[in-house]
Structure formats: C-alpha cells, structure tokens
Amino acid sequence: MSFTVTPPWAYTLQLPQDPRGPGIARRTVRTVLAAYGMQALTAVAELVTSELVTNA
C-alpha cells in the first residue's frame, strides 16, 4: 500500500507533560488521517505516535 501526500502536511501539536499526552497525540493522528481518507494507516500510525510521544 502506498500513499502520496501533496502538498506536504505540516501540523504542530503542543501536548501536556503528563499521562494524557500520548492519548491526545493518538486521537489527533486518527482525526487527521480520517480527514484525508487514510484510515487504513490508523493502527500503525497510532502505534508509532504513541511510542514516540511516550519516549519523548
């Protein structure tokens, strides 16, 4: 499966420095992907997002 995004997306998200951060990030990714009709990427994108935000 391949997806191309044109023009490139740019988003900024400021997360609270508490346990709510990863959940907010996952919901944001889910919403953005749904808005662009890319729900097929949701599971993997949420996992990667959660890992990145948790480790940050």
Protein backbone atom coordinates (compact mmCIF):
# COMPACT_ATOMS: atom_id res chain seq x y z
CA MET A 1 0.00 0.00 0.00
CA SER A 2 1.36 3.42 -0.91
CA PHE A 3 0.13 6.92 -0.12
CA THR A 4 1.39 10.20 -1.51
CA VAL A 5 0.55 13.49 0.17
CA THR A 6 0.57 16.61 -1.99
CA PRO A 7 1.19 19.27 -0.81
CA PRO A 8 3.12 18.06 2.24
CA TRP A 9 1.29 18.27 5.54
CA ALA A 10 2.54 20.38 8.42
CA TYR A 11 1.00 20.22 11.89
CA THR A 12 2.10 21.48 15.28
CA LEU A 13 0.70 19.97 18.45
CA GLN A 14 1.61 21.03 21.97
CA LEU A 15 0.96 18.24 24.44
CA PRO A 16 0.66 18.41 28.21
CA GLN A 17 3.62 16.97 30.10
CA ASP A 18 1.52 14.37 31.85
CA PRO A 19 -0.03 10.95 31.12
CA ARG A 20 -2.69 12.47 28.82
CA GLY A 21 -0.13 13.34 26.13
CA PRO A 22 0.06 10.04 24.23
CA GLY A 23 -3.74 9.71 24.10
CA ILE A 24 -4.14 13.23 22.76
CA ALA A 25 -1.46 12.57 20.14
CA ARG A 26 -3.10 9.31 19.04
CA ARG A 27 -6.52 10.93 18.72
CA THR A 28 -5.02 13.79 16.70
CA VAL A 29 -3.31 11.39 14.28
CA ARG A 30 -6.54 9.38 13.95
CA THR A 31 -8.53 12.54 13.19
CA VAL A 32 -6.04 13.86 10.61
CA LEU A 33 -5.86 10.53 8.80
CA ALA A 34 -9.67 10.27 8.75
CA ALA A 35 -9.94 13.81 7.37
CA TYR A 36 -7.73 12.81 4.44
CA GLY A 37 -9.40 9.42 3.89
CA MET A 38 -6.37 7.44 5.04
CA GLN A 39 -7.97 5.32 7.77
CA ALA A 40 -6.01 2.28 6.55
CA LEU A 41 -2.91 3.80 8.17
CA THR A 42 -4.52 4.47 11.55
CA ALA A 43 -3.41 1.41 13.52
CA VAL A 44 0.26 1.68 12.57
CA ALA A 45 0.34 5.47 12.82
CA GLU A 46 -1.23 5.40 16.30
CA LEU A 47 1.32 2.83 17.48
CA VAL A 48 4.28 4.84 16.16
CA THR A 49 2.83 8.06 17.58
CA SER A 50 2.27 6.52 20.99
CA GLU A 51 5.83 5.18 21.12
CA LEU A 52 7.37 8.49 20.08
CA VAL A 53 5.33 10.60 22.48
CA THR A 54 5.80 8.22 25.40
CA ASN A 55 9.56 8.12 24.88
CA ALA A 56 9.79 11.89 24.46
